[in-house]
Amino acid sequence: MEAFSPTPPDWINHAVHSFDFHCPQCRETARKAERVWINRRSPVMTEDYRRKWQEFYQCECGQGWWGWSSDRPPSDLTRANE
């Protein structure tokens, strides 16, 4: 998996920003992505001094998209009390 590679893959060059954190073409979530790359080389600082990164996804439909790590919805894999 190339998610943490320091070198960006070519497929991110045509990725579009998804403001609601899912594929803008077919509306699938990031879980359905075939590829992932996190731009950890260029974090952005938020107003409350937290870091956020661009997370790039290539959906199974072929669409590349990205969203901010801070916009990712909570996982349904964690328990409610965690």
PDB file of N, CA and C in Angstrom:
ATOM      1  N   MET A   1       0.844  -1.176   0.000  1.00  0.00           N
ATOM      2  CA  MET A   1       0.000   0.000   0.000  1.00  0.00           C
ATOM      3  C   MET A   1       0.890   1.240   0.000  1.00  0.00           C
ATOM      4  N   GLU A   2       0.482   2.240  -0.688  1.00  0.00           N
ATOM      5  CA  GLU A   2       1.289   3.446  -0.812  1.00  0.00           C
ATOM      6  C   GLU A   2       0.834   4.582   0.092  1.00  0.00           C
ATOM      7  N   ALA A   3      -0.036   4.324   1.034  1.00  0.00           N
ATOM      8  CA  ALA A   3      -0.654   5.380   1.848  1.00  0.00           C
ATOM      9  C   ALA A   3       0.365   6.290   2.525  1.00  0.00           C
ATOM     10  N   PHE A   4       1.483   5.743   2.990  1.00  0.00           N
ATOM     11  CA  PHE A   4       2.451   6.545   3.731  1.00  0.00           C
ATOM     12  C   PHE A   4       3.731   6.794   2.951  1.00  0.00           C
ATOM     13  N   SER A   5       3.712   6.548   1.675  1.00  0.00           N
ATOM     14  CA  SER A   5       4.874   6.814   0.839  1.00  0.00           C
ATOM     15  C   SER A   5       5.166   8.315   0.842  1.00  0.00           C
ATOM     16  N   PRO A   6       6.434   8.704   0.924  1.00  0.00           N
ATOM     17  CA  PRO A   6       6.748  10.136   0.884  1.00  0.00           C
ATOM     18  C   PRO A   6       6.552  10.759  -0.496  1.00  0.00           C
ATOM     19  N   THR A   7       6.537   9.929  -1.516  1.00  0.00           N
ATOM     20  CA  THR A   7       6.385  10.419  -2.887  1.00  0.00           C
ATOM     21  C   THR A   7       4.936  10.279  -3.329  1.00  0.00           C
ATOM     22  N   PRO A   8       4.326  11.380  -3.784  1.00  0.00           N
ATOM     23  CA  PRO A   8       2.929  11.283  -4.214  1.00  0.00           C
ATOM     24  C   PRO A   8       2.767  10.442  -5.479  1.00  0.00           C
ATOM     25  N   PRO A   9       1.747   9.601  -5.535  1.00  0.00           N
ATOM     26  CA  PRO A   9       1.504   8.813  -6.751  1.00  0.00           C
ATOM     27  C   PRO A   9       0.897   9.695  -7.851  1.00  0.00           C
ATOM     28  N   ASP A  10       1.041   9.277  -9.077  1.00  0.00           N
ATOM     29  CA  ASP A  10       0.537  10.048 -10.219  1.00  0.00           C
ATOM     30  C   ASP A  10      -0.974  10.209 -10.219  1.00  0.00           C
ATOM     31  N   TRP A  11      -1.700   9.242  -9.688  1.00  0.00           N
ATOM     32  CA  TRP A  11      -3.160   9.293  -9.773  1.00  0.00           C
ATOM     33  C   TRP A  11      -3.770  10.441  -8.976  1.00  0.00           C
ATOM     34  N   ILE A  12      -3.029  11.068  -8.062  1.00  0.00           N
ATOM     35  CA  ILE A  12      -3.604  12.175  -7.294  1.00  0.00           C
ATOM     36  C   ILE A  12      -3.664  13.477  -8.095  1.00  0.00           C
ATOM     37  N   ASN A  13      -2.966  13.533  -9.229  1.00  0.00           N
ATOM     38  CA  ASN A  13      -2.898  14.772 -10.016  1.00  0.00           C
ATOM     39  C   ASN A  13      -4.259  15.257 -10.497  1.00  0.00           C
ATOM     40  N   HIS A  14      -5.210  14.378 -10.657  1.00  0.00           N
ATOM     41  CA  HIS A  14      -6.531  14.759 -11.154  1.00  0.00           C
ATOM     42  C   HIS A  14      -7.613  14.586 -10.085  1.00  0.00           C
ATOM     43  N   ALA A  15      -7.195  14.433  -8.832  1.00  0.00           N
ATOM     44  CA  ALA A  15      -8.161  14.266  -7.742  1.00  0.00           C
ATOM     45  C   ALA A  15      -8.896  15.580  -7.479  1.00  0.00           C
ATOM     46  N   VAL A  16     -10.160  15.471  -7.138  1.00  0.00           N
ATOM     47  CA  VAL A  16     -10.974  16.648  -6.832  1.00  0.00           C
ATOM     48  C   VAL A  16     -11.298  16.672  -5.342  1.00  0.00           C
ATOM     49  N   HIS A  17     -11.492  17.859  -4.810  1.00  0.00           N
ATOM     50  CA  HIS A  17     -11.795  18.014  -3.391  1.00  0.00           C
ATOM     51  C   HIS A  17     -13.246  17.626  -3.133  1.00  0.00           C
ATOM     52  N   SER A  18     -13.424  16.708  -2.208  1.00  0.00           N
ATOM     53  CA  SER A  18     -14.763  16.303  -1.788  1.00  0.00           C
ATOM     54  C   SER A  18     -15.045  16.951  -0.437  1.00  0.00           C
ATOM     55  N   PHE A  19     -16.004  17.855  -0.404  1.00  0.00           N
ATOM     56  CA  PHE A  19     -16.299  18.588   0.819  1.00  0.00           C
ATOM     57  C   PHE A  19     -17.073  17.765   1.836  1.00  0.00           C
ATOM     58  N   ASP A  20     -17.714  16.682   1.411  1.00  0.00           N
ATOM     59  CA  ASP A  20     -18.466  15.851   2.350  1.00  0.00           C
ATOM     60  C   ASP A  20     -17.878  14.450   2.490  1.00  0.00           C
ATOM     61  N   PHE A  21     -16.614  14.311   2.174  1.00  0.00           N
ATOM     62  CA  PHE A  21     -15.794  13.123   2.420  1.00  0.00           C
ATOM     63  C   PHE A  21     -16.359  11.826   1.849  1.00  0.00           C
ATOM     64  N   HIS A  22     -16.731  11.864   0.597  1.00  0.00           N
ATOM     65  CA  HIS A  22     -17.059  10.655  -0.147  1.00  0.00           C
ATOM     66  C   HIS A  22     -16.825  10.933  -1.632  1.00  0.00           C
ATOM     67  N   CYS A  23     -16.825   9.896  -2.427  1.00  0.00           N
ATOM     68  CA  CYS A  23     -16.548  10.044  -3.849  1.00  0.00           C
ATOM     69  C   CYS A  23     -17.596  10.967  -4.485  1.00  0.00           C
ATOM     70  N   PRO A  24     -17.152  12.029  -5.151  1.00  0.00           N
ATOM     71  CA  PRO A  24     -18.116  12.944  -5.761  1.00  0.00           C
ATOM     72  C   PRO A  24     -18.825  12.351  -6.977  1.00  0.00           C
ATOM     73  N   GLN A  25     -18.281  11.276  -7.525  1.00  0.00           N
ATOM     74  CA  GLN A  25     -18.887  10.674  -8.714  1.00  0.00           C
ATOM     75  C   GLN A  25     -19.940   9.626  -8.363  1.00  0.00           C
ATOM     76  N   CYS A  26     -19.586   8.677  -7.498  1.00  0.00           N
ATOM     77  CA  CYS A  26     -20.527   7.581  -7.201  1.00  0.00           C
ATOM     78  C   CYS A  26     -21.044   7.603  -5.764  1.00  0.00           C
ATOM     79  N   ARG A  27     -20.553   8.538  -4.948  1.00  0.00           N
ATOM     80  CA  ARG A  27     -21.008   8.753  -3.568  1.00  0.00           C
ATOM     81  C   ARG A  27     -20.577   7.661  -2.579  1.00  0.00           C
ATOM     82  N   GLU A  28     -19.633   6.796  -2.966  1.00  0.00           N
ATOM     83  CA  GLU A  28     -19.134   5.766  -2.048  1.00  0.00           C
ATOM     84  C   GLU A  28     -18.206   6.397  -1.005  1.00  0.00           C
ATOM     85  N   THR A  29     -18.089   5.743   0.137  1.00  0.00           N
ATOM     86  CA  THR A  29     -17.224   6.235   1.209  1.00  0.00           C
ATOM     87  C   THR A  29     -15.766   5.887   0.931  1.00  0.00           C
ATOM     88  N   ALA A  30     -14.891   6.395   1.770  1.00  0.00           N
ATOM     89  CA  ALA A  30     -13.463   6.124   1.632  1.00  0.00           C
ATOM     90  C   ALA A  30     -13.152   4.640   1.799  1.00  0.00           C
ATOM     91  N   ARG A  31     -14.008   3.906   2.479  1.00  0.00           N
ATOM     92  CA  ARG A  31     -13.798   2.461   2.641  1.00  0.00           C
ATOM     93  C   ARG A  31     -13.773   1.707   1.323  1.00  0.00           C
ATOM     94  N   LYS A  32     -14.445   2.222   0.322  1.00  0.00           N
ATOM     95  CA  LYS A  32     -14.502   1.555  -0.971  1.00  0.00           C
ATOM     96  C   LYS A  32     -13.334   1.931  -1.876  1.00  0.00           C
ATOM     97  N   ALA A  33     -12.443   2.763  -1.379  1.00  0.00           N
ATOM     98  CA  ALA A  33     -11.310   3.209  -2.188  1.00  0.00           C
ATOM     99  C   ALA A  33     -10.367   2.051  -2.494  1.00  0.00           C
ATOM    100  N   GLU A  34      -9.836   2.062  -3.695  1.00  0.00           N
ATOM    101  CA  GLU A  34      -8.859   1.049  -4.097  1.00  0.00           C
ATOM    102  C   GLU A  34      -7.438   1.472  -3.741  1.00  0.00           C
ATOM    103  N   ARG A  35      -7.222   2.788  -3.668  1.00  0.00           N
ATOM    104  CA  ARG A  35      -5.910   3.319  -3.313  1.00  0.00           C
ATOM    105  C   ARG A  35      -6.087   4.492  -2.359  1.00  0.00           C
ATOM    106  N   VAL A  36      -5.062   4.677  -1.519  1.00  0.00           N
ATOM    107  CA  VAL A  36      -5.064   5.779  -0.553  1.00  0.00           C
ATOM    108  C   VAL A  36      -3.665   6.359  -0.494  1.00  0.00           C
ATOM    109  N   TRP A  37      -3.578   7.677  -0.380  1.00  0.00           N
ATOM    110  CA  TRP A  37      -2.302   8.333  -0.118  1.00  0.00           C
ATOM    111  C   TRP A  37      -2.562   9.510   0.798  1.00  0.00           C
ATOM    112  N   ILE A  38      -1.760   9.626   1.859  1.00  0.00           N
ATOM    113  CA  ILE A  38      -1.892  10.714   2.816  1.00  0.00           C
ATOM    114  C   ILE A  38      -0.697  11.642   2.658  1.00  0.00           C
ATOM    115  N   ASN A  39      -0.978  12.908   2.412  1.00  0.00           N
ATOM    116  CA  ASN A  39       0.069  13.902   2.218  1.00  0.00           C
ATOM    117  C   ASN A  39       0.590  14.360   3.576  1.00  0.00           C
ATOM    118  N   ARG A  40       1.468  13.584   4.162  1.00  0.00           N
ATOM    119  CA  ARG A  40       1.991  13.880   5.492  1.00  0.00           C
ATOM    120  C   ARG A  40       3.153  14.859   5.448  1.00  0.00           C
ATOM    121  N   ARG A  41       3.590  15.216   4.251  1.00  0.00           N
ATOM    122  CA  ARG A  41       4.708  16.157   4.130  1.00  0.00           C
ATOM    123  C   ARG A  41       4.267  17.605   4.289  1.00  0.00           C
ATOM    124  N   SER A  42       2.989  17.874   4.155  1.00  0.00           N
ATOM    125  CA  SER A  42       2.509  19.257   4.211  1.00  0.00           C
ATOM    126  C   SER A  42       1.289  19.391   5.128  1.00  0.00           C
ATOM    127  N   PRO A  43       1.480  19.216   6.429  1.00  0.00           N
ATOM    128  CA  PRO A  43       0.326  19.386   7.309  1.00  0.00           C
ATOM    129  C   PRO A  43      -0.085  20.856   7.374  1.00  0.00           C
ATOM    130  N   VAL A  44      -1.339  21.071   7.670  1.00  0.00           N
ATOM    131  CA  VAL A  44      -1.886  22.412   7.847  1.00  0.00           C
ATOM    132  C   VAL A  44      -2.274  22.547   9.302  1.00  0.00           C
ATOM    133  N   MET A  45      -1.981  23.690   9.894  1.00  0.00           N
ATOM    134  CA  MET A  45      -2.355  23.937  11.283  1.00  0.00           C
ATOM    135  C   MET A  45      -3.726  24.601  11.330  1.00  0.00           C
ATOM    136  N   THR A  46      -4.588  24.098  12.198  1.00  0.00           N
ATOM    137  CA  THR A  46      -5.919  24.671  12.358  1.00  0.00           C
ATOM    138  C   THR A  46      -5.868  25.816  13.378  1.00  0.00           C
ATOM    139  N   GLU A  47      -6.998  26.467  13.568  1.00  0.00           N
ATOM    140  CA  GLU A  47      -7.065  27.592  14.501  1.00  0.00           C
ATOM    141  C   GLU A  47      -6.695  27.183  15.923  1.00  0.00           C
ATOM    142  N   ASP A  48      -6.998  25.932  16.290  1.00  0.00           N
ATOM    143  CA  ASP A  48      -6.683  25.462  17.638  1.00  0.00           C
ATOM    144  C   ASP A  48      -5.368  24.674  17.693  1.00  0.00           C
ATOM    145  N   TYR A  49      -4.483  24.947  16.732  1.00  0.00           N
ATOM    146  CA  TYR A  49      -3.130  24.387  16.676  1.00  0.00           C
ATOM    147  C   TYR A  49      -3.087  22.869  16.526  1.00  0.00           C
ATOM    148  N   ARG A  50      -4.064  22.313  15.858  1.00  0.00           N
ATOM    149  CA  ARG A  50      -4.056  20.886  15.527  1.00  0.00           C
ATOM    150  C   ARG A  50      -3.631  20.751  14.072  1.00  0.00           C
ATOM    151  N   ARG A  51      -3.051  19.623  13.767  1.00  0.00           N
ATOM    152  CA  ARG A  51      -2.634  19.368  12.386  1.00  0.00           C
ATOM    153  C   ARG A  51      -3.729  18.642  11.625  1.00  0.00           C
ATOM    154  N   LYS A  52      -3.802  18.949  10.336  1.00  0.00           N
ATOM    155  CA  LYS A  52      -4.667  18.175   9.459  1.00  0.00           C
ATOM    156  C   LYS A  52      -3.911  17.944   8.160  1.00  0.00           C
ATOM    157  N   TRP A  53      -4.239  16.824   7.506  1.00  0.00           N
ATOM    158  CA  TRP A  53      -3.566  16.434   6.282  1.00  0.00           C
ATOM    159  C   TRP A  53      -4.573  16.231   5.169  1.00  0.00           C
ATOM    160  N   GLN A  54      -4.069  16.301   3.952  1.00  0.00           N
ATOM    161  CA  GLN A  54      -4.888  15.914   2.802  1.00  0.00           C
ATOM    162  C   GLN A  54      -4.836  14.399   2.697  1.00  0.00           C
ATOM    163  N   GLU A  55      -6.007  13.781   2.596  1.00  0.00           N
ATOM    164  CA  GLU A  55      -6.105  12.342   2.381  1.00  0.00           C
ATOM    165  C   GLU A  55      -6.671  12.133   0.987  1.00  0.00           C
ATOM    166  N   PHE A  56      -5.929  11.436   0.157  1.00  0.00           N
ATOM    167  CA  PHE A  56      -6.332  11.188  -1.225  1.00  0.00           C
ATOM    168  C   PHE A  56      -6.844   9.763  -1.365  1.00  0.00           C
ATOM    169  N   TYR A  57      -7.919   9.616  -2.125  1.00  0.00           N
ATOM    170  CA  TYR A  57      -8.534   8.308  -2.346  1.00  0.00           C
ATOM    171  C   TYR A  57      -8.796   8.122  -3.832  1.00  0.00           C
ATOM    172  N   GLN A  58      -8.561   6.918  -4.316  1.00  0.00           N
ATOM    173  CA  GLN A  58      -8.979   6.571  -5.667  1.00  0.00           C
ATOM    174  C   GLN A  58     -10.078   5.529  -5.512  1.00  0.00           C
ATOM    175  N   CYS A  59     -11.271   5.933  -5.890  1.00  0.00           N
ATOM    176  CA  CYS A  59     -12.466   5.104  -5.719  1.00  0.00           C
ATOM    177  C   CYS A  59     -12.455   3.940  -6.705  1.00  0.00           C
ATOM    178  N   GLU A  60     -13.237   2.928  -6.403  1.00  0.00           N
ATOM    179  CA  GLU A  60     -13.355   1.787  -7.308  1.00  0.00           C
ATOM    180  C   GLU A  60     -13.986   2.182  -8.638  1.00  0.00           C
ATOM    181  N   CYS A  61     -14.681   3.328  -8.683  1.00  0.00           N
ATOM    182  CA  CYS A  61     -15.263   3.806  -9.947  1.00  0.00           C
ATOM    183  C   CYS A  61     -14.221   4.531 -10.801  1.00  0.00           C
ATOM    184  N   GLY A  62     -13.020   4.745 -10.250  1.00  0.00           N
ATOM    185  CA  GLY A  62     -11.946   5.392 -10.994  1.00  0.00           C
ATOM    186  C   GLY A  62     -11.728   6.851 -10.639  1.00  0.00           C
ATOM    187  N   GLN A  63     -12.661   7.465  -9.931  1.00  0.00           N
ATOM    188  CA  GLN A  63     -12.545   8.873  -9.557  1.00  0.00           C
ATOM    189  C   GLN A  63     -11.542   9.054  -8.426  1.00  0.00           C
ATOM    190  N   GLY A  64     -10.634  10.011  -8.585  1.00  0.00           N
ATOM    191  CA  GLY A  64      -9.733  10.388  -7.514  1.00  0.00           C
ATOM    192  C   GLY A  64     -10.327  11.573  -6.771  1.00  0.00           C
ATOM    193  N   TRP A  65     -10.267  11.527  -5.442  1.00  0.00           N
ATOM    194  CA  TRP A  65     -10.795  12.624  -4.643  1.00  0.00           C
ATOM    195  C   TRP A  65      -9.976  12.757  -3.370  1.00  0.00           C
ATOM    196  N   TRP A  66     -10.103  13.923  -2.741  1.00  0.00           N
ATOM    197  CA  TRP A  66      -9.391  14.131  -1.491  1.00  0.00           C
ATOM    198  C   TRP A  66     -10.248  14.928  -0.517  1.00  0.00           C
ATOM    199  N   GLY A  67      -9.907  14.775   0.759  1.00  0.00           N
ATOM    200  CA  GLY A  67     -10.564  15.524   1.822  1.00  0.00           C
ATOM    201  C   GLY A  67      -9.559  15.757   2.938  1.00  0.00           C
ATOM    202  N   TRP A  68      -9.878  16.684   3.810  1.00  0.00           N
ATOM    203  CA  TRP A  68      -9.021  16.951   4.961  1.00  0.00           C
ATOM    204  C   TRP A  68      -9.236  15.877   6.016  1.00  0.00           C
ATOM    205  N   SER A  69      -8.152  15.478   6.677  1.00  0.00           N
ATOM    206  CA  SER A  69      -8.258  14.457   7.726  1.00  0.00           C
ATOM    207  C   SER A  69      -9.220  14.898   8.829  1.00  0.00           C
ATOM    208  N   SER A  70      -9.317  16.176   9.062  1.00  0.00           N
ATOM    209  CA  SER A  70     -10.219  16.678  10.103  1.00  0.00           C
ATOM    210  C   SER A  70     -11.687  16.581   9.698  1.00  0.00           C
ATOM    211  N   ASP A  71     -11.958  16.374   8.417  1.00  0.00           N
ATOM    212  CA  ASP A  71     -13.337  16.253   7.930  1.00  0.00           C
ATOM    213  C   ASP A  71     -13.826  14.813   7.857  1.00  0.00           C
ATOM    214  N   ARG A  72     -12.915  13.859   8.100  1.00  0.00           N
ATOM    215  CA  ARG A  72     -13.293  12.448   8.032  1.00  0.00           C
ATOM    216  C   ARG A  72     -14.330  12.144   9.106  1.00  0.00           C
ATOM    217  N   PRO A  73     -15.428  11.510   8.741  1.00  0.00           N
ATOM    218  CA  PRO A  73     -16.446  11.192   9.750  1.00  0.00           C
ATOM    219  C   PRO A  73     -15.934  10.145  10.731  1.00  0.00           C
ATOM    220  N   PRO A  74     -16.510  10.090  11.920  1.00  0.00           N
ATOM    221  CA  PRO A  74     -16.084   9.073  12.894  1.00  0.00           C
ATOM    222  C   PRO A  74     -16.317   7.669  12.341  1.00  0.00           C
ATOM    223  N   SER A  75     -15.448   6.769  12.706  1.00  0.00           N
ATOM    224  CA  SER A  75     -15.546   5.392  12.238  1.00  0.00           C
ATOM    225  C   SER A  75     -16.663   4.662  12.965  1.00  0.00           C
ATOM    226  N   ASP A  76     -17.381   3.838  12.238  1.00  0.00           N
ATOM    227  CA  ASP A  76     -18.394   3.003  12.879  1.00  0.00           C
ATOM    228  C   ASP A  76     -17.775   1.696  13.389  1.00  0.00           C
ATOM    229  N   LEU A  77     -16.456   1.587  13.309  1.00  0.00           N
ATOM    230  CA  LEU A  77     -15.757   0.400  13.805  1.00  0.00           C
ATOM    231  C   LEU A  77     -15.385   0.536  15.275  1.00  0.00           C
ATOM    232  N   THR A  78     -15.460   1.752  15.817  1.00  0.00           N
ATOM    233  CA  THR A  78     -15.157   1.931  17.230  1.00  0.00           C
ATOM    234  C   THR A  78     -16.428   1.805  18.057  1.00  0.00           C
ATOM    235  N   ARG A  79     -16.244   1.454  19.302  1.00  0.00           N
ATOM    236  CA  ARG A  79     -17.387   1.349  20.192  1.00  0.00           C
ATOM    237  C   ARG A  79     -17.840   2.741  20.609  1.00  0.00           C
ATOM    238  N   ALA A  80     -19.095   2.873  20.934  1.00  0.00           N
ATOM    239  CA  ALA A  80     -19.677   4.174  21.287  1.00  0.00           C
ATOM    240  C   ALA A  80     -19.026   4.780  22.524  1.00  0.00           C
ATOM    241  N   ASN A  81     -18.531   3.959  23.443  1.00  0.00           N
ATOM    242  CA  ASN A  81     -17.957   4.499  24.686  1.00  0.00           C
ATOM    243  C   ASN A  81     -16.480   4.806  24.575  1.00  0.00           C
ATOM    244  N   GLU A  82     -15.878   4.682  23.410  1.00  0.00           N
ATOM    245  CA  GLU A  82     -14.450   4.983  23.254  1.00  0.00           C
ATOM    246  C   GLU A  82     -14.237   6.408  22.844  1.00  0.00           C
TER     247      GLU A  82
END
